[in-house]
Amino acid sequence: MADRSRDEGYVDKAGLRVAAVLAAFVEQEALPGTGIEAPAFWAGLAELVGGFTAKNRELLAIREDLQAKIDAWHLARRNQPHDHEAYKAFLGEIGYLLPEGEAFEIETANVDPEIATVPGPQLVVPITNARYALNAANARWGSLYDALYGTDAMGPPLAQAGYERGRGARVVARSRVFLDDAFPIAGMSHADARRYHVKDGALLVDDHPLEQPEKFIGYRGHPRAPDAVLLCNHALHVELVFDRTHRVGARDQAGLADVRLESAVSAIMDCEDSVACVDAEDK
């Protein structure tokens, strides 16, 4: 590989010609804290580039050849009705479509639960927009009370500002119905609960256990009067927040101030579809 590291704006890193601004980002911001030293990173990257460049060029040439054949096929049939079977046969002839093989299963290891098993939405945001990225990260948790109160889920939203107690009471009642459905209590309803506490590692509600005790994950604060209780249903977490000094919690017989739901479980920082990161500063 030719040494062009003296070109303005570029530096040599293990034989690679790297934009100086990108190299500075990698060494000063990306690598610190990872335990990977800069020379080892660049050497590893150079090895990957050297090992895969020829194969990538070969695959790109195949892709260009396939695209040229597909373009020619369509141009030769301009203004003709689309023939699905003929088109499918043509794609098979040129190797774009391969014969269907035997049934098989794929098992992938080392995949984060948010991608593999947790049934929640994934948000895709442009990596160059900090506000969008922050909103996506914060969307992992949301208030059920706010969602019910501020939308039309409980009827038309209020036109005036301020807190309307009647609507707030309906929100609390509806949230208790959700808790009864997801985390039923043996012998009683969340609507009648006066005290949530932890004893011997189990959650008790007025001394009644959950019908499915394994849905209790943990708590924050004192076990006799937790500040928060963490539950889990279908791999998604629910946090019960207790605060008798809060405007809502002060009027609740159990001191329940909010019900927080785990929602958008992952944020994909996109460099391609929603934003084009081409230049070194973008990268």
Protein backbone atom coordinates (compact mmCIF):
# COMPACT_ATOMS: atom_id res chain seq x y z
CA MET A 1 0.00 0.00 0.00
CA ALA A 2 1.48 3.34 -1.05
CA ASP A 3 2.56 5.67 1.75
CA ARG A 4 0.57 8.87 1.27
CA SER A 5 0.50 9.83 4.94
CA ARG A 6 2.14 13.18 4.22
CA ASP A 7 -0.88 14.34 2.22
CA GLU A 8 -2.51 17.31 3.91
CA GLY A 9 -5.25 16.24 6.32
CA TYR A 10 -4.17 12.59 6.46
CA VAL A 11 -1.93 10.57 8.74
CA ASP A 12 -0.36 7.14 8.44
CA LYS A 13 -1.72 4.50 10.81
CA ALA A 14 -0.23 1.01 10.42
CA GLY A 15 0.07 1.60 6.69
CA LEU A 16 -3.45 2.98 6.33
CA ARG A 17 -4.08 6.50 5.05
CA VAL A 18 -6.50 7.89 7.64
CA ALA A 19 -8.08 11.34 7.82
CA ALA A 20 -6.45 13.19 10.70
CA VAL A 21 -9.76 14.26 12.21
CA LEU A 22 -11.00 10.64 12.21
CA ALA A 23 -7.75 9.36 13.69
CA ALA A 24 -7.93 11.97 16.44
CA PHE A 25 -11.50 10.98 17.29
CA VAL A 26 -10.61 7.29 17.48
CA GLU A 27 -7.55 7.83 19.67
CA GLN A 28 -8.83 10.65 21.89
CA GLU A 29 -12.53 9.82 22.30
CA ALA A 30 -13.44 6.32 21.08
CA LEU A 31 -10.61 4.18 22.48
CA PRO A 32 -10.06 5.63 25.98
CA GLY A 33 -11.73 3.38 28.54
CA THR A 34 -11.93 0.35 26.24
CA GLY A 35 -8.59 -1.12 27.25
CA ILE A 36 -7.44 -1.11 23.62
CA GLU A 37 -4.30 0.82 22.79
CA ALA A 38 -4.23 2.88 19.60
CA PRO A 39 -1.36 0.94 17.93
CA ALA A 40 -3.19 -2.35 18.51
CA PHE A 41 -6.42 -0.90 17.09
CA TRP A 42 -4.81 0.41 13.92
CA ALA A 43 -2.82 -2.79 13.44
CA GLY A 44 -5.98 -4.86 13.78
CA LEU A 45 -7.88 -2.60 11.39
CA ALA A 46 -5.05 -2.76 8.86
CA GLU A 47 -5.11 -6.56 9.05
CA LEU A 48 -8.87 -6.63 8.43
CA VAL A 49 -8.64 -4.18 5.55
CA GLY A 50 -5.79 -6.13 3.98
CA GLY A 51 -7.56 -9.44 4.40
CA PHE A 52 -10.95 -8.43 3.06
CA THR A 53 -10.27 -5.73 0.47
CA ALA A 54 -9.73 -8.16 -2.42
CA LYS A 55 -12.83 -10.18 -1.53
CA ASN A 56 -14.94 -7.04 -1.15
CA ARG A 57 -13.83 -5.82 -4.57
CA GLU A 58 -14.71 -9.20 -6.04
CA LEU A 59 -18.18 -9.09 -4.49
CA LEU A 60 -18.74 -5.51 -5.63
CA ALA A 61 -17.82 -6.53 -9.18
CA ILE A 62 -20.36 -9.37 -9.02
CA ARG A 63 -23.00 -6.95 -7.75
CA GLU A 64 -22.28 -4.50 -10.57
CA ASP A 65 -22.50 -7.31 -13.12
CA LEU A 66 -25.84 -8.51 -11.73
CA GLN A 67 -27.22 -4.97 -11.72
CA ALA A 68 -26.12 -4.42 -15.32
CA LYS A 69 -27.88 -7.62 -16.43
CA ILE A 70 -31.06 -6.67 -14.54
CA ASP A 71 -31.03 -3.18 -16.06
CA ALA A 72 -30.59 -4.63 -19.55
CA TRP A 73 -33.44 -7.10 -18.99
CA HIS A 74 -35.84 -4.30 -18.05
CA LEU A 75 -34.69 -2.02 -20.87
CA ALA A 76 -35.24 -4.80 -23.42
CA ARG A 77 -38.84 -5.16 -22.18
CA ARG A 78 -39.69 -1.49 -21.92
CA ASN A 79 -43.42 -0.79 -22.31
CA GLN A 80 -44.23 -4.51 -21.97
CA PRO A 81 -46.49 -5.89 -19.20
CA HIS A 82 -44.53 -7.30 -16.28
CA ASP A 83 -44.14 -11.09 -16.48
CA HIS A 84 -43.49 -12.26 -12.94
CA GLU A 85 -42.60 -15.86 -13.80
CA ALA A 86 -40.24 -14.85 -16.61
CA TYR A 87 -38.55 -12.30 -14.35
CA LYS A 88 -38.14 -14.84 -11.56
CA ALA A 89 -36.65 -17.38 -13.98
CA PHE A 90 -34.24 -14.74 -15.30
CA LEU A 91 -33.06 -13.86 -11.78
CA GLY A 92 -32.39 -17.54 -11.20
CA GLU A 93 -30.43 -17.87 -14.43
CA ILE A 94 -28.03 -15.05 -13.57
CA GLY A 95 -27.53 -16.26 -10.00
CA TYR A 96 -29.41 -13.45 -8.27
CA LEU A 97 -31.89 -15.98 -6.88
CA LEU A 98 -30.62 -19.34 -5.67
CA PRO A 99 -32.58 -22.59 -5.43
CA GLU A 100 -34.38 -22.99 -2.13
CA GLY A 101 -32.45 -25.34 0.13
CA GLU A 102 -33.44 -27.62 2.96
CA ALA A 103 -35.15 -26.20 6.04
CA PHE A 104 -32.68 -25.00 8.65
CA GLU A 105 -32.46 -23.04 11.88
CA ILE A 106 -30.02 -20.35 12.90
CA GLU A 107 -28.86 -19.94 16.48
CA THR A 108 -26.85 -16.81 17.14
CA ALA A 109 -24.85 -16.39 20.33
CA ASN A 110 -23.80 -13.25 22.21
CA VAL A 111 -26.76 -11.12 21.10
CA ASP A 112 -28.04 -8.53 23.56
CA PRO A 113 -31.46 -9.37 25.06
CA GLU A 114 -32.85 -6.07 23.72
CA ILE A 115 -32.28 -7.39 20.20
CA ALA A 116 -32.90 -11.12 20.69
CA THR A 117 -35.64 -11.62 23.27
CA VAL A 118 -37.16 -8.41 24.65
CA PRO A 119 -40.40 -7.56 22.80
CA GLY A 120 -39.99 -3.81 22.53
CA PRO A 121 -39.56 -1.23 19.78
CA GLN A 122 -36.20 -0.19 18.41
CA LEU A 123 -35.71 3.47 17.58
CA VAL A 124 -33.52 4.44 14.65
CA VAL A 125 -32.07 7.94 14.88
CA PRO A 126 -29.44 9.84 12.88
CA ILE A 127 -26.18 9.71 14.79
CA THR A 128 -25.44 13.33 13.89
CA ASN A 129 -28.51 14.71 15.71
CA ALA A 130 -27.81 14.81 19.46
CA ARG A 131 -31.37 15.81 20.39
CA TYR A 132 -32.91 12.88 18.52
CA ALA A 133 -30.39 10.50 20.08
CA LEU A 134 -31.12 11.79 23.58
CA ASN A 135 -34.87 11.47 23.04
CA ALA A 136 -34.40 7.89 21.85
CA ALA A 137 -32.31 6.98 24.89
CA ASN A 138 -34.84 8.56 27.25
CA ALA A 139 -37.68 6.68 25.53
CA ARG A 140 -36.60 3.46 27.23
CA TRP A 141 -38.75 4.46 30.21
CA GLY A 142 -42.02 6.36 30.21
CA SER A 143 -44.76 7.28 32.66
CA LEU A 144 -48.02 5.36 32.27
CA TYR A 145 -49.76 8.12 34.21
CA ASP A 146 -48.50 10.78 31.78
CA ALA A 147 -49.37 8.65 28.76
CA LEU A 148 -52.95 8.13 29.94
CA TYR A 149 -53.48 11.66 31.22
CA GLY A 150 -52.01 13.53 28.26
CA THR A 151 -53.51 11.54 25.39
CA ASP A 152 -57.00 10.57 24.25
CA ALA A 153 -56.73 7.15 25.92
CA MET A 154 -58.97 8.49 28.71
CA GLY A 155 -61.19 10.59 26.47
CA PRO A 156 -60.40 13.89 24.72
CA PRO A 157 -57.31 15.60 26.20
CA LEU A 158 -57.96 18.62 28.39
CA ALA A 159 -57.89 21.95 26.60
CA GLN A 160 -56.90 23.99 29.66
CA ALA A 161 -53.59 23.87 31.48
CA GLY A 162 -53.25 22.58 35.02
CA TYR A 163 -54.14 19.35 36.78
CA GLU A 164 -57.72 18.07 36.68
CA ARG A 165 -58.32 15.76 39.65
CA GLY A 166 -61.21 13.84 38.09
CA ARG A 167 -59.16 12.86 35.06
CA GLY A 168 -56.22 12.08 37.32
CA ALA A 169 -58.37 9.72 39.38
CA ARG A 170 -59.49 7.90 36.24
CA VAL A 171 -55.86 7.56 35.17
CA VAL A 172 -54.92 6.03 38.53
CA ALA A 173 -57.88 3.63 38.38
CA ARG A 174 -57.00 2.53 34.85
CA SER A 175 -53.38 2.00 35.86
CA ARG A 176 -54.51 -0.25 38.70
CA VAL A 177 -56.43 -2.34 36.16
CA PHE A 178 -53.22 -2.74 34.19
CA LEU A 179 -51.37 -3.84 37.33
CA ASP A 180 -54.11 -6.37 38.12
CA ASP A 181 -53.79 -7.81 34.63
CA ALA A 182 -49.99 -7.97 34.56
CA PHE A 183 -49.20 -8.57 38.24
CA PRO A 184 -52.27 -10.00 39.99
CA ILE A 185 -52.21 -10.18 43.78
CA ALA A 186 -53.42 -13.30 45.55
CA GLY A 187 -56.76 -12.47 47.14
CA MET A 188 -57.01 -8.74 46.40
CA SER A 189 -56.70 -5.95 43.83
CA HIS A 190 -54.07 -3.27 43.39
CA ALA A 191 -56.97 -0.81 43.60
CA ASP A 192 -57.35 -1.68 47.29
CA ALA A 193 -53.65 -1.71 48.13
CA ARG A 194 -52.46 0.41 51.03
CA ARG A 195 -48.92 -0.82 51.48
CA TYR A 196 -46.24 -2.38 49.30
CA HIS A 197 -43.32 -3.87 51.19
CA VAL A 198 -40.65 -6.55 50.87
CA LYS A 199 -40.26 -9.42 53.32
CA ASP A 200 -37.84 -12.33 53.02
CA GLY A 201 -37.09 -11.36 49.42
CA ALA A 202 -40.73 -11.37 48.32
CA LEU A 203 -43.07 -8.50 47.49
CA LEU A 204 -46.16 -8.26 49.67
CA VAL A 205 -49.13 -6.00 49.09
CA ASP A 206 -51.04 -5.58 52.35
CA ASP A 207 -49.40 -8.88 53.34
CA HIS A 208 -50.72 -10.59 50.18
CA PRO A 209 -48.16 -12.09 47.76
CA LEU A 210 -48.25 -11.79 44.00
CA GLU A 211 -49.87 -14.73 42.25
CA GLN A 212 -46.60 -15.01 40.30
CA PRO A 213 -43.91 -14.03 42.83
CA GLU A 214 -41.16 -14.44 40.23
CA LYS A 215 -42.37 -11.25 38.54
CA PHE A 216 -40.92 -9.25 41.43
CA ILE A 217 -37.39 -8.23 40.43
CA GLY A 218 -36.21 -5.84 43.13
CA TYR A 219 -36.75 -2.62 45.04
CA ARG A 220 -35.08 0.66 45.95
CA GLY A 221 -35.11 2.15 49.43
CA HIS A 222 -36.16 0.48 52.68
CA PRO A 223 -37.84 -2.95 52.38
CA ARG A 224 -40.63 -1.90 54.75
CA ALA A 225 -41.42 1.18 52.68
CA PRO A 226 -39.66 1.06 49.29
CA ASP A 227 -39.15 4.17 47.20
CA ALA A 228 -39.63 2.01 44.10
CA VAL A 229 -40.53 -1.58 43.24
CA LEU A 230 -39.36 -3.21 40.00
CA LEU A 231 -41.57 -5.83 38.34
CA CYS A 232 -41.24 -7.71 35.06
CA ASN A 233 -43.84 -9.04 32.62
CA HIS A 234 -43.04 -10.57 29.22
CA ALA A 235 -39.40 -9.47 29.64
CA LEU A 236 -40.43 -5.81 30.00
CA HIS A 237 -40.00 -4.03 33.31
CA VAL A 238 -42.49 -1.93 35.24
CA GLU A 239 -41.41 0.39 38.05
CA LEU A 240 -43.82 1.42 40.80
CA VAL A 241 -42.67 4.76 42.22
CA PHE A 242 -43.76 5.66 45.77
CA ASP A 243 -43.62 9.22 47.08
CA ARG A 244 -46.17 10.53 49.57
CA THR A 245 -44.85 14.08 49.11
CA HIS A 246 -45.68 14.00 45.40
CA ARG A 247 -48.88 15.64 44.18
CA VAL A 248 -50.26 12.29 43.03
CA GLY A 249 -48.68 10.08 45.68
CA ALA A 250 -49.98 12.29 48.48
CA ARG A 251 -53.57 11.48 47.45
CA ASP A 252 -52.93 7.78 46.89
CA GLN A 253 -53.67 5.42 49.77
CA ALA A 254 -50.54 3.41 48.96
CA GLY A 255 -48.42 6.48 48.17
CA LEU A 256 -48.05 5.35 44.54
CA ALA A 257 -46.90 8.42 42.62
CA ASP A 258 -46.26 6.90 39.20
CA VAL A 259 -46.12 3.70 37.16
CA ARG A 260 -43.17 3.71 34.78
CA LEU A 261 -43.05 1.35 31.82
CA GLU A 262 -40.06 0.05 29.92
CA SER A 263 -40.75 0.88 26.30
CA ALA A 264 -38.20 1.57 23.54
CA VAL A 265 -35.58 -0.97 24.54
CA SER A 266 -32.85 0.00 22.10
CA ALA A 267 -31.72 2.99 20.07
CA ILE A 268 -29.93 2.35 16.79
CA MET A 269 -27.53 5.18 16.01
CA ASP A 270 -27.81 5.27 12.24
CA CYS A 271 -25.01 6.35 9.92
CA GLU A 272 -26.70 5.52 6.61
CA ASP A 273 -30.48 5.38 6.16
CA SER A 274 -31.62 8.49 8.04
CA VAL A 275 -28.38 10.41 7.59
CA ALA A 276 -25.45 10.25 5.21
CA CYS A 277 -22.13 10.14 7.09
CA VAL A 278 -19.59 10.32 4.28
CA ASP A 279 -16.94 12.88 5.17
CA ALA A 280 -14.34 12.29 7.87
CA GLU A 281 -15.93 14.78 10.28
CA ASP A 282 -19.30 13.03 9.89
CA LYS A 283 -17.73 9.65 10.57
